[in-house]
N, C-alpha and C. Protein backbone atom coordinates (compact mmCIF):
# COMPACT_ATOMS: atom_id res chain seq x y z
N MET A 1 0.87 -1.03 -0.18
CA MET A 1 -0.22 0.02 0.07
C MET A 1 0.76 1.45 0.21
N GLY A 2 1.93 1.03 1.01
CA GLY A 2 2.76 2.62 1.05
C GLY A 2 3.67 2.77 -0.48
N MET A 3 3.96 1.51 -0.94
CA MET A 3 5.01 1.98 -1.88
C MET A 3 3.77 2.41 -3.52
N GLU A 4 2.59 1.90 -3.39
CA GLU A 4 1.55 2.30 -4.45
C GLU A 4 1.55 3.67 -4.42
N TRP A 5 1.32 4.37 -3.16
CA TRP A 5 0.79 5.83 -2.88
C TRP A 5 2.17 6.62 -3.15
N LEU A 6 3.49 5.84 -3.00
CA LEU A 6 4.54 6.71 -3.24
C LEU A 6 4.81 6.79 -4.71
N SER A 7 4.36 5.61 -5.43
CA SER A 7 4.64 5.59 -6.75
C SER A 7 3.69 6.60 -7.81
N ALA A 8 2.73 6.80 -7.11
CA ALA A 8 1.57 7.90 -7.84
C ALA A 8 2.24 9.25 -8.00
N PHE A 9 3.36 9.61 -7.17
CA PHE A 9 3.89 10.71 -7.26
C PHE A 9 5.05 10.83 -7.97
N GLY A 10 5.67 9.60 -8.56
CA GLY A 10 6.96 9.59 -9.65
C GLY A 10 6.27 9.72 -11.01
N THR A 11 7.11 9.18 -11.92
CA THR A 11 7.00 9.62 -13.30
C THR A 11 6.27 8.23 -13.82
N GLY A 12 6.33 6.97 -13.07
CA GLY A 12 6.11 5.60 -13.55
C GLY A 12 4.48 5.58 -13.34
N GLY A 13 3.74 6.17 -12.30
CA GLY A 13 2.22 6.19 -12.04
C GLY A 13 2.03 4.79 -11.49
N ILE A 14 1.13 4.41 -11.06
CA ILE A 14 0.40 3.05 -10.55
C ILE A 14 0.49 2.04 -11.56
N PRO A 15 0.85 0.86 -11.50
CA PRO A 15 0.77 -0.29 -12.36
C PRO A 15 -0.56 -0.35 -12.67
N GLY A 16 -0.92 -0.68 -13.99
CA GLY A 16 -2.25 -0.95 -14.41
C GLY A 16 -2.91 0.42 -14.81
N GLU A 17 -2.59 1.41 -13.98
CA GLU A 17 -3.40 2.83 -14.42
C GLU A 17 -3.43 3.23 -15.76
N PRO A 18 -4.62 3.73 -16.38
CA PRO A 18 -4.83 4.02 -17.89
C PRO A 18 -3.98 5.51 -17.88
N SER A 19 -3.48 5.53 -19.08
CA SER A 19 -2.49 7.02 -19.26
C SER A 19 -3.43 8.03 -19.37
N LEU A 20 -2.74 8.96 -18.96
CA LEU A 20 -3.44 10.38 -19.05
C LEU A 20 -4.42 10.47 -20.21
N MET A 21 -3.89 10.49 -21.58
CA MET A 21 -5.08 10.63 -22.62
C MET A 21 -6.13 9.70 -22.73
N GLU A 22 -5.91 8.45 -22.35
CA GLU A 22 -7.29 7.65 -22.00
C GLU A 22 -7.90 8.51 -21.31
N GLU A 23 -7.64 8.86 -19.91
CA GLU A 23 -8.47 9.29 -19.05
C GLU A 23 -9.20 10.57 -19.37
N LEU A 24 -8.24 11.15 -20.29
CA LEU A 24 -9.08 12.38 -20.82
C LEU A 24 -9.96 12.26 -22.07
N ASP A 25 -10.20 10.69 -22.12
CA ASP A 25 -10.84 10.43 -23.85
C ASP A 25 -10.13 11.05 -25.05
N ILE A 26 -8.73 11.11 -25.08
CA ILE A 26 -8.42 11.63 -26.48
C ILE A 26 -7.52 10.70 -26.67
N ASN A 27 -7.99 10.29 -28.22
CA ASN A 27 -7.33 9.08 -29.21
C ASN A 27 -6.83 9.76 -30.24
N LEU A 28 -5.37 10.12 -30.09
CA LEU A 28 -4.59 10.52 -30.97
C LEU A 28 -4.47 10.05 -32.45
N PRO A 29 -4.48 8.80 -32.43
CA PRO A 29 -4.37 8.22 -33.63
C PRO A 29 -5.78 8.58 -34.43
N HIS A 30 -7.19 8.69 -33.78
CA HIS A 30 -8.38 8.66 -34.25
C HIS A 30 -8.48 10.64 -34.93
N VAL A 31 -7.94 11.44 -33.97
CA VAL A 31 -7.69 12.75 -34.29
C VAL A 31 -7.06 12.88 -35.62
N TRP A 32 -5.82 12.00 -35.88
CA TRP A 32 -5.12 12.19 -36.96
C TRP A 32 -5.76 11.64 -38.30
N ASP A 33 -6.70 10.37 -37.93
CA ASP A 33 -7.29 9.85 -38.98
C ASP A 33 -8.61 10.97 -39.62
N LYS A 34 -9.43 11.53 -38.40
CA LYS A 34 -10.35 12.54 -38.87
C LYS A 34 -9.45 13.63 -39.46
N SER A 35 -8.68 14.12 -39.04
CA SER A 35 -8.01 15.43 -39.85
C SER A 35 -7.60 15.33 -41.15
N LEU A 36 -6.88 13.84 -41.36
CA LEU A 36 -6.60 13.37 -42.57
C LEU A 36 -7.90 13.36 -43.77
N ALA A 37 -8.88 12.98 -43.10
CA ALA A 37 -10.27 12.75 -43.97
C ALA A 37 -10.67 14.08 -44.37
N VAL A 38 -10.58 15.18 -43.25
CA VAL A 38 -11.03 16.27 -43.90
C VAL A 38 -10.39 17.19 -44.68
N LEU A 39 -8.85 16.82 -44.72
CA LEU A 39 -7.90 17.49 -45.46
C LEU A 39 -7.86 16.98 -47.11
N ASN A 40 -8.53 15.74 -47.31
CA ASN A 40 -8.82 15.31 -48.44
C ASN A 40 -10.00 15.76 -49.19
N PRO A 41 -9.98 16.67 -49.90
CA PRO A 41 -11.10 17.30 -50.40
C PRO A 41 -11.96 16.34 -51.27
N PHE A 42 -11.52 15.29 -51.54
CA PHE A 42 -12.21 14.26 -52.77
C PHE A 42 -12.73 13.16 -52.00
N HIS A 43 -12.62 13.08 -50.56
CA HIS A 43 -13.04 12.00 -49.61
C HIS A 43 -14.53 12.13 -49.81
N GLN A 44 -15.27 10.92 -50.08
CA GLN A 44 -16.72 10.95 -49.97
C GLN A 44 -17.07 10.09 -48.84
N PHE A 45 -17.61 10.89 -47.65
CA PHE A 45 -18.04 10.28 -46.38
C PHE A 45 -19.41 9.41 -46.51
N SER A 46 -19.20 7.93 -46.04
CA SER A 46 -20.05 7.29 -46.19
C SER A 46 -20.29 6.45 -45.03
N PRO A 47 -21.73 6.29 -44.37
CA PRO A 47 -21.73 5.67 -42.98
C PRO A 47 -21.80 4.10 -43.28
N ASP A 48 -21.75 3.62 -44.52
CA ASP A 48 -21.44 2.15 -44.78
C ASP A 48 -20.18 1.99 -44.52
N HIS A 49 -19.23 2.84 -44.92
CA HIS A 49 -17.97 2.51 -44.71
C HIS A 49 -17.34 2.54 -43.09
N ALA A 50 -17.00 1.47 -42.56
CA ALA A 50 -16.63 1.32 -41.17
C ALA A 50 -15.99 2.38 -40.64
N LYS A 51 -14.82 2.92 -41.07
CA LYS A 51 -13.94 3.81 -40.39
C LYS A 51 -14.70 5.15 -40.60
N ASP A 52 -15.60 5.55 -41.61
CA ASP A 52 -16.33 6.73 -41.66
C ASP A 52 -17.22 6.75 -40.85
N ALA A 53 -17.97 5.62 -40.29
CA ALA A 53 -19.31 5.56 -39.39
C ALA A 53 -18.57 5.51 -37.93
N HIS A 54 -17.30 5.12 -37.82
CA HIS A 54 -17.01 5.41 -36.57
C HIS A 54 -16.48 6.88 -36.48
N MET A 55 -15.84 7.50 -37.52
CA MET A 55 -15.46 9.10 -37.43
C MET A 55 -16.85 9.99 -37.18
N MET A 56 -17.93 9.43 -37.73
CA MET A 56 -19.01 10.26 -37.88
C MET A 56 -19.83 10.02 -36.38
N ASP A 57 -19.84 9.11 -35.82
CA ASP A 57 -20.39 8.68 -34.62
C ASP A 57 -19.54 9.41 -33.30
N ASP A 58 -18.44 9.70 -33.50
CA ASP A 58 -17.59 10.09 -32.71
C ASP A 58 -17.95 11.58 -32.17
N THR A 59 -17.95 11.69 -30.84
CA THR A 59 -18.15 13.43 -30.38
C THR A 59 -17.03 14.08 -30.14
N ASP A 60 -15.77 13.57 -30.40
CA ASP A 60 -14.46 13.95 -29.82
C ASP A 60 -14.28 15.43 -30.01
N LEU A 61 -13.98 16.13 -28.99
CA LEU A 61 -13.95 17.73 -28.85
C LEU A 61 -12.21 17.93 -28.67
N ALA A 62 -11.41 16.91 -28.67
CA ALA A 62 -10.11 17.51 -28.44
C ALA A 62 -9.68 18.31 -29.88
N GLY A 63 -9.90 17.26 -30.93
CA GLY A 63 -9.55 17.97 -32.13
C GLY A 63 -10.10 19.36 -32.38
N PRO A 64 -11.26 19.49 -32.41
CA PRO A 64 -11.85 21.08 -32.55
C PRO A 64 -11.05 22.04 -31.61
N LEU A 65 -10.86 21.71 -30.37
CA LEU A 65 -10.44 22.79 -29.52
C LEU A 65 -8.83 23.00 -29.82
N LEU A 66 -8.37 22.19 -30.27
CA LEU A 66 -6.81 21.95 -30.80
C LEU A 66 -6.94 22.99 -32.20
N PHE A 67 -7.73 22.82 -33.09
CA PHE A 67 -7.90 23.51 -34.33
C PHE A 67 -8.11 24.96 -34.13
N CYS A 68 -9.11 25.31 -33.25
CA CYS A 68 -9.36 26.85 -32.99
C CYS A 68 -8.20 27.47 -32.33
N PHE A 69 -7.51 26.64 -31.43
CA PHE A 69 -6.35 27.15 -30.63
C PHE A 69 -5.38 27.48 -31.86
N VAL A 70 -5.09 26.41 -32.59
CA VAL A 70 -3.94 26.65 -33.67
C VAL A 70 -4.57 27.80 -34.46
N PHE A 71 -5.90 27.84 -34.65
CA PHE A 71 -6.37 29.08 -35.73
C PHE A 71 -5.84 30.29 -35.12
N GLY A 72 -6.27 30.53 -33.99
CA GLY A 72 -6.06 31.69 -33.24
C GLY A 72 -4.95 32.14 -32.86
N MET A 73 -3.80 31.16 -32.84
CA MET A 73 -2.31 31.35 -32.46
C MET A 73 -1.76 31.50 -33.98
N LEU A 74 -2.27 31.28 -34.98
CA LEU A 74 -1.68 31.62 -36.22
C LEU A 74 -2.07 32.90 -36.63
N LEU A 75 -3.27 33.45 -36.36
CA LEU A 75 -3.63 34.93 -36.26
C LEU A 75 -2.73 35.74 -35.55
N LEU A 76 -2.40 35.26 -34.34
CA LEU A 76 -1.76 36.00 -33.80
C LEU A 76 -0.15 36.25 -34.17
N LEU A 77 0.21 35.28 -34.41
CA LEU A 77 1.46 35.19 -35.38
C LEU A 77 1.43 36.19 -36.64
N ALA A 78 0.36 36.43 -37.25
CA ALA A 78 0.27 37.43 -38.36
C ALA A 78 0.00 38.89 -37.86
N GLY A 79 0.01 39.00 -36.51
CA GLY A 79 -0.34 40.15 -35.98
C GLY A 79 -1.87 40.51 -35.70
N LYS A 80 -2.60 39.40 -35.67
CA LYS A 80 -4.09 39.66 -35.59
C LYS A 80 -4.38 39.15 -34.24
N SER A 81 -4.89 39.61 -32.82
CA SER A 81 -5.28 39.11 -31.92
C SER A 81 -6.87 38.87 -31.94
N GLN A 82 -7.15 37.88 -32.32
CA GLN A 82 -8.68 37.57 -32.47
C GLN A 82 -9.19 36.34 -31.81
N PHE A 83 -8.49 35.96 -30.50
CA PHE A 83 -9.20 34.97 -29.80
C PHE A 83 -10.48 35.13 -29.11
N GLY A 84 -11.04 36.14 -29.05
CA GLY A 84 -12.29 36.49 -28.80
C GLY A 84 -13.29 36.37 -29.57
N TYR A 85 -12.82 36.80 -30.98
CA TYR A 85 -13.78 36.59 -32.07
C TYR A 85 -14.01 35.25 -32.74
N VAL A 86 -12.88 34.47 -32.48
CA VAL A 86 -12.73 33.04 -33.02
C VAL A 86 -13.50 32.16 -32.21
N TYR A 87 -13.59 32.41 -30.60
CA TYR A 87 -14.57 31.47 -29.84
C TYR A 87 -15.86 31.91 -29.76
N GLY A 88 -16.08 33.32 -29.92
CA GLY A 88 -17.43 33.86 -29.98
C GLY A 88 -18.24 33.37 -31.16
N VAL A 89 -17.57 33.65 -32.62
CA VAL A 89 -18.06 33.07 -33.65
C VAL A 89 -18.25 31.63 -33.81
N GLY A 90 -17.29 30.96 -33.08
CA GLY A 90 -17.53 29.55 -32.95
C GLY A 90 -18.50 29.17 -32.28
N LEU A 91 -18.72 29.75 -30.81
CA LEU A 91 -20.10 29.36 -30.11
C LEU A 91 -21.27 29.79 -31.03
N MET A 92 -21.59 30.93 -31.51
CA MET A 92 -22.73 31.47 -32.20
C MET A 92 -23.03 30.38 -33.39
N GLY A 93 -21.91 30.15 -33.85
CA GLY A 93 -21.97 29.40 -35.11
C GLY A 93 -22.60 28.18 -34.95
N VAL A 94 -21.93 27.28 -34.08
CA VAL A 94 -22.14 26.04 -33.29
C VAL A 94 -23.68 25.98 -33.27
N LEU A 95 -24.01 26.67 -32.29
CA LEU A 95 -25.62 26.95 -31.81
C LEU A 95 -26.47 27.05 -33.02
N SER A 96 -26.22 27.96 -33.94
CA SER A 96 -27.13 28.26 -34.80
C SER A 96 -27.24 27.08 -35.70
N ILE A 97 -26.01 26.46 -36.09
CA ILE A 97 -26.38 25.25 -37.20
C ILE A 97 -26.96 24.17 -36.28
N TYR A 98 -26.60 23.77 -35.11
CA TYR A 98 -27.36 22.96 -34.36
C TYR A 98 -28.48 22.99 -34.38
N PHE A 99 -29.08 24.22 -34.27
CA PHE A 99 -30.75 24.42 -34.30
C PHE A 99 -31.27 24.14 -35.79
N LEU A 100 -30.46 24.69 -36.68
CA LEU A 100 -30.83 24.64 -38.16
C LEU A 100 -31.03 23.18 -38.52
N LEU A 101 -29.81 22.13 -38.48
CA LEU A 101 -29.78 20.89 -38.81
C LEU A 101 -31.01 20.11 -38.00
N ASN A 102 -31.24 20.53 -36.88
CA ASN A 102 -32.51 19.81 -36.10
C ASN A 102 -33.55 20.08 -36.65
N LEU A 103 -33.92 21.48 -37.24
CA LEU A 103 -34.95 21.88 -37.74
C LEU A 103 -35.09 21.08 -39.15
N MET A 104 -34.21 20.86 -39.79
CA MET A 104 -34.26 20.43 -41.19
C MET A 104 -34.38 18.81 -41.49
N SER A 105 -33.86 18.12 -40.59
CA SER A 105 -33.73 16.71 -40.24
C SER A 105 -34.57 15.93 -39.29
N GLU A 106 -35.05 14.80 -39.68
CA GLU A 106 -35.81 13.88 -39.25
C GLU A 106 -35.29 13.15 -37.94
N ARG A 107 -34.34 12.79 -38.34
CA ARG A 107 -33.23 12.40 -37.16
C ARG A 107 -32.88 13.15 -36.13
N GLY A 108 -32.12 14.32 -36.31
CA GLY A 108 -31.59 14.92 -35.23
C GLY A 108 -30.04 14.81 -35.15
N ILE A 109 -29.55 15.50 -34.20
CA ILE A 109 -28.19 15.50 -34.32
C ILE A 109 -27.68 16.41 -32.72
N ASP A 110 -27.06 15.69 -32.33
CA ASP A 110 -26.38 16.53 -30.96
C ASP A 110 -25.76 17.25 -31.20
N ALA A 111 -25.58 18.67 -30.15
CA ALA A 111 -24.76 19.66 -30.29
C ALA A 111 -23.03 19.25 -30.21
N SER A 112 -22.82 18.19 -29.27
CA SER A 112 -21.41 17.93 -29.58
C SER A 112 -21.07 17.30 -30.63
N ARG A 113 -21.65 16.71 -31.26
CA ARG A 113 -21.32 16.18 -32.64
C ARG A 113 -21.37 17.32 -33.66
N VAL A 114 -21.98 18.33 -33.45
CA VAL A 114 -22.00 19.51 -34.62
C VAL A 114 -20.63 20.16 -34.14
N THR A 115 -20.26 20.32 -32.85
CA THR A 115 -19.16 20.92 -32.53
C THR A 115 -18.12 20.30 -33.05
N SER A 116 -17.91 19.03 -33.08
CA SER A 116 -16.71 18.24 -33.32
C SER A 116 -16.63 18.16 -34.95
N VAL A 117 -17.73 17.98 -35.70
CA VAL A 117 -17.71 18.06 -37.17
C VAL A 117 -17.12 19.52 -37.84
N LEU A 118 -17.61 20.97 -36.91
CA LEU A 118 -17.19 22.20 -37.47
C LEU A 118 -15.94 22.23 -36.91
N GLY A 119 -15.44 21.71 -35.91
CA GLY A 119 -14.10 21.88 -35.43
C GLY A 119 -13.30 21.56 -36.25
N TYR A 120 -13.45 19.91 -36.58
CA TYR A 120 -12.58 19.45 -37.46
C TYR A 120 -12.33 20.07 -38.82
N CYS A 121 -13.35 20.52 -39.62
CA CYS A 121 -13.66 20.97 -40.79
C CYS A 121 -12.94 22.19 -40.70
N LEU A 122 -12.51 23.19 -39.41
CA LEU A 122 -11.86 24.17 -39.43
C LEU A 122 -10.41 24.19 -40.13
N LEU A 123 -9.88 23.08 -39.93
CA LEU A 123 -8.57 22.61 -40.45
C LEU A 123 -7.85 23.48 -41.52
N PRO A 124 -8.69 23.39 -42.83
CA PRO A 124 -8.04 24.23 -43.95
C PRO A 124 -8.04 25.55 -44.06
N LEU A 125 -9.07 25.99 -43.03
CA LEU A 125 -8.77 27.48 -42.86
C LEU A 125 -7.46 27.81 -41.64
N CYS A 126 -7.28 26.97 -40.95
CA CYS A 126 -5.56 26.86 -40.53
C CYS A 126 -4.83 26.94 -41.23
N LEU A 127 -4.83 26.05 -42.44
CA LEU A 127 -3.67 26.41 -43.35
C LEU A 127 -3.85 27.76 -44.00
N LEU A 128 -4.91 28.58 -44.26
CA LEU A 128 -5.03 29.85 -44.79
C LEU A 128 -4.80 30.79 -43.79
N SER A 129 -4.69 30.48 -42.30
CA SER A 129 -4.03 31.41 -41.78
C SER A 129 -2.51 31.35 -41.46
N ALA A 130 -2.29 29.98 -41.54
CA ALA A 130 -0.81 29.71 -41.77
C ALA A 130 -0.10 30.35 -43.04
N LEU A 131 -0.69 30.40 -43.98
CA LEU A 131 -0.34 31.16 -45.09
C LEU A 131 -0.44 32.78 -44.90
N ASN A 132 -1.30 33.40 -44.30
CA ASN A 132 -1.30 34.56 -43.56
C ASN A 132 -0.03 35.12 -43.00
N VAL A 133 0.36 34.36 -42.22
CA VAL A 133 1.72 34.56 -41.38
C VAL A 133 2.81 34.83 -42.52
N PHE A 134 3.08 34.46 -43.65
CA PHE A 134 3.93 34.68 -44.58
C PHE A 134 3.63 35.61 -45.87
N VAL A 135 2.22 35.49 -46.18
CA VAL A 135 1.68 36.43 -47.20
C VAL A 135 0.38 37.32 -46.71
N HIS A 136 0.63 38.45 -46.96
CA HIS A 136 -0.62 39.43 -46.65
C HIS A 136 -1.36 39.19 -47.27
N LEU A 137 -2.76 38.83 -46.69
CA LEU A 137 -3.86 38.42 -47.49
C LEU A 137 -4.86 39.41 -47.49
N ASN A 138 -4.81 40.71 -47.15
CA ASN A 138 -5.65 41.84 -47.69
C ASN A 138 -5.12 42.41 -48.90
N SER A 139 -5.28 41.45 -49.96
CA SER A 139 -4.82 42.29 -51.19
C SER A 139 -5.61 41.02 -52.24
N MET A 140 -5.74 41.19 -53.64
CA MET A 140 -6.16 40.29 -54.49
C MET A 140 -5.82 38.80 -54.53
N PHE A 141 -4.86 38.70 -53.90
CA PHE A 141 -4.44 37.24 -53.86
C PHE A 141 -5.29 36.78 -52.67
N GLY A 142 -5.26 37.12 -51.76
CA GLY A 142 -6.06 36.69 -50.35
C GLY A 142 -7.62 36.65 -50.88
N TYR A 143 -8.05 37.51 -51.57
CA TYR A 143 -9.49 37.48 -52.12
C TYR A 143 -9.80 36.20 -53.09
N LEU A 144 -8.67 36.30 -53.82
CA LEU A 144 -9.02 35.09 -54.86
C LEU A 144 -8.92 33.51 -54.10
N ILE A 145 -7.95 33.53 -52.81
CA ILE A 145 -7.80 32.02 -52.56
C ILE A 145 -8.24 31.97 -51.27
N SER A 146 -9.12 32.78 -50.59
CA SER A 146 -9.87 32.47 -49.56
C SER A 146 -11.39 31.74 -49.94
N PRO A 147 -12.06 32.20 -50.94
CA PRO A 147 -13.02 31.31 -51.25
C PRO A 147 -13.03 29.80 -51.63
N ILE A 148 -11.47 29.37 -51.98
CA ILE A 148 -11.23 28.13 -52.17
C ILE A 148 -11.16 27.44 -50.80
N PHE A 149 -10.53 27.83 -49.97
CA PHE A 149 -10.33 27.65 -48.56
C PHE A 149 -12.02 27.30 -47.80
N ILE A 150 -12.82 28.36 -47.96
CA ILE A 150 -13.87 28.25 -47.47
C ILE A 150 -14.78 27.02 -48.17
N LEU A 151 -14.60 27.07 -49.73
CA LEU A 151 -15.36 25.80 -50.20
C LEU A 151 -14.91 24.50 -49.91
N TRP A 152 -13.47 24.56 -49.29
CA TRP A 152 -13.12 22.94 -49.02
C TRP A 152 -13.54 22.79 -47.65
N CYS A 153 -13.57 23.79 -46.73
CA CYS A 153 -14.17 23.52 -45.33
C CYS A 153 -15.84 23.20 -45.48
N CYS A 154 -16.29 23.90 -46.39
CA CYS A 154 -18.04 23.61 -46.52
C CYS A 154 -18.28 22.30 -47.13
N THR A 155 -17.49 22.13 -48.16
CA THR A 155 -17.49 20.75 -48.64
C THR A 155 -17.49 19.48 -47.70
N ALA A 156 -16.36 19.49 -46.99
CA ALA A 156 -16.29 18.28 -45.85
C ALA A 156 -17.23 18.38 -44.81
N ALA A 157 -17.55 19.68 -44.41
CA ALA A 157 -18.54 19.65 -43.28
C ALA A 157 -19.94 19.31 -43.73
N SER A 158 -20.37 19.46 -44.76
CA SER A 158 -21.69 19.61 -45.39
C SER A 158 -21.65 18.17 -45.87
N GLY A 159 -20.78 17.44 -46.23
CA GLY A 159 -20.43 15.84 -46.72
C GLY A 159 -20.63 15.06 -45.49
N ILE A 160 -20.19 15.35 -44.21
CA ILE A 160 -20.31 14.72 -42.89
C ILE A 160 -21.77 14.92 -42.70
N PHE A 161 -22.39 15.93 -42.44
CA PHE A 161 -23.48 16.32 -41.83
C PHE A 161 -24.78 15.45 -42.63
N VAL A 162 -24.19 15.32 -44.06
CA VAL A 162 -25.76 15.08 -45.09
C VAL A 162 -25.33 13.37 -44.71
N SER A 163 -24.43 12.98 -44.57
CA SER A 163 -23.96 11.52 -44.44
C SER A 163 -24.77 11.03 -42.82
N ILE A 164 -24.31 11.76 -42.06
CA ILE A 164 -24.76 11.65 -40.64
C ILE A 164 -26.24 11.49 -40.59
N LEU A 165 -27.04 12.66 -41.09
CA LEU A 165 -28.40 12.88 -41.14
C LEU A 165 -29.39 12.23 -42.24
N GLY A 166 -28.63 11.81 -43.21
CA GLY A 166 -29.21 11.13 -44.48
C GLY A 166 -30.06 12.17 -45.34
N MET A 167 -29.43 13.18 -45.48
CA MET A 167 -29.92 14.36 -46.24
C MET A 167 -29.48 14.77 -47.61
N HIS A 168 -29.10 13.48 -48.14
CA HIS A 168 -28.57 13.52 -49.54
C HIS A 168 -29.22 14.57 -50.36
N ASN A 169 -30.43 14.83 -50.58
CA ASN A 169 -31.03 15.75 -51.57
C ASN A 169 -30.96 17.09 -50.92
N GLN A 170 -30.50 17.32 -49.90
CA GLN A 170 -30.37 18.55 -49.25
C GLN A 170 -29.15 19.03 -48.83
N ARG A 171 -28.28 18.41 -49.91
CA ARG A 171 -26.88 19.18 -49.47
C ARG A 171 -26.48 20.66 -49.64
N PHE A 172 -26.97 21.23 -50.69
CA PHE A 172 -26.85 22.62 -50.86
C PHE A 172 -27.32 23.36 -49.85
N LEU A 173 -28.53 22.98 -49.19
CA LEU A 173 -29.26 23.57 -48.14
C LEU A 173 -28.29 23.46 -46.78
N VAL A 174 -27.64 22.36 -46.52
CA VAL A 174 -26.85 22.24 -45.35
C VAL A 174 -25.45 23.16 -45.84
N ALA A 175 -24.77 23.20 -47.06
CA ALA A 175 -23.70 23.81 -47.30
C ALA A 175 -23.99 25.18 -47.10
N TYR A 176 -25.03 25.95 -47.34
CA TYR A 176 -25.11 27.31 -47.10
C TYR A 176 -24.59 28.00 -46.04
N PRO A 177 -25.58 27.51 -44.95
CA PRO A 177 -25.25 27.93 -43.69
C PRO A 177 -23.72 27.71 -43.22
N VAL A 178 -23.28 26.34 -43.57
CA VAL A 178 -21.92 26.08 -43.16
C VAL A 178 -20.76 26.90 -43.69
N GLY A 179 -21.31 27.09 -44.89
CA GLY A 179 -20.34 27.95 -45.91
C GLY A 179 -20.11 29.49 -45.10
N LEU A 180 -21.27 29.94 -44.76
CA LEU A 180 -21.16 31.42 -44.28
C LEU A 180 -20.44 31.14 -42.85
N PHE A 181 -20.68 30.11 -41.95
CA PHE A 181 -19.88 30.02 -40.80
C PHE A 181 -18.46 30.10 -41.10
N TYR A 182 -18.08 29.27 -42.06
CA TYR A 182 -16.70 29.32 -42.41
C TYR A 182 -16.29 30.93 -43.17
N ALA A 183 -17.10 31.30 -43.70
CA ALA A 183 -16.80 32.77 -44.27
C ALA A 183 -16.15 33.68 -43.23
N CYS A 184 -16.85 33.60 -42.12
CA CYS A 184 -16.65 34.47 -41.08
C CYS A 184 -15.31 34.15 -40.41
N PHE A 185 -14.74 32.92 -40.31
CA PHE A 185 -13.12 32.78 -39.97
C PHE A 185 -12.53 33.21 -41.09
N ALA A 186 -12.92 32.90 -42.41
CA ALA A 186 -11.90 33.29 -43.33
C ALA A 186 -11.85 34.84 -43.33
N LEU A 187 -12.82 35.62 -43.29
CA LEU A 187 -12.93 37.49 -42.87
C LEU A 187 -11.71 37.70 -41.78
N LEU A 188 -11.59 36.83 -40.70
CA LEU A 188 -10.77 37.02 -39.70
C LEU A 188 -9.24 36.90 -40.18
N SER A 189 -9.15 35.90 -41.24
CA SER A 189 -7.77 35.74 -41.71
C SER A 189 -7.38 36.79 -42.79
N VAL A 190 -8.34 37.16 -43.34
CA VAL A 190 -7.96 38.18 -44.47
C VAL A 190 -7.85 39.84 -43.99
N PHE A 191 -8.95 40.25 -43.18
CA PHE A 191 -8.99 41.67 -42.59
C PHE A 191 -8.39 41.46 -41.34
N ASP A 192 -8.05 42.53 -40.82
CA ASP A 192 -7.55 42.99 -39.31
C ASP A 192 -8.65 43.62 -38.74
N VAL A 193 -9.57 42.74 -38.00
CA VAL A 193 -10.72 43.46 -37.21
C VAL A 193 -10.25 44.50 -36.15
N GLY A 194 -8.90 44.56 -35.43
CA GLY A 194 -8.62 45.50 -34.68
C GLY A 194 -8.11 46.61 -35.47
N ALA A 195 -7.84 46.76 -36.50
CA ALA A 195 -7.27 47.83 -37.27
C ALA A 195 -8.62 48.85 -37.55
N ALA A 196 -9.68 48.09 -37.80
CA ALA A 196 -11.05 49.10 -37.89
C ALA A 196 -11.45 49.69 -37.06
N LYS A 197 -10.95 49.26 -35.64
CA LYS A 197 -11.56 50.06 -34.61
C LYS A 197 -10.76 51.33 -34.08
N LYS A 198 -9.54 51.25 -34.85
CA LYS A 198 -8.54 52.58 -34.54
C LYS A 198 -8.74 53.51 -35.26
């Protein structure tokens, strides 16, 4: 009993104890697989495919929180301190799309799954904000390339939502509000909101 108590304060932990990642319910290989699926713009999400079904049933929030933080940090590296806008727009967008999807579908969807899907599909916009660190996007180049990243995010998110809810004939109806959601994040990358206040 005494040795187990002392080993809890060491680096080895107690024998048979689950790792910290397991206790926090963070599955890094799963985060990696889901991220790769979102980054592939030609990936067709299908609930019949076992791997896709597992990804769509998962309500993992570790990846979305990580990508929101990475998006905010990359904006900060570009000289734009926008953390409040990132989390504010994210929260309002998730709530709006949650209510909208539940009104549009018969099956319904829970808020944690909406948060997970929208957060993972923010990954292409993280690439846009990384590009913003090196290239000034408030120019014709930024105006031309931003819609491509918005479309990339929108295609991935609407594909997942349509597969989860079985709304295959309503994909454009799902894609429209999702595209507006990601357009708000793209605007944060292209324009400096803080500069407009001065």
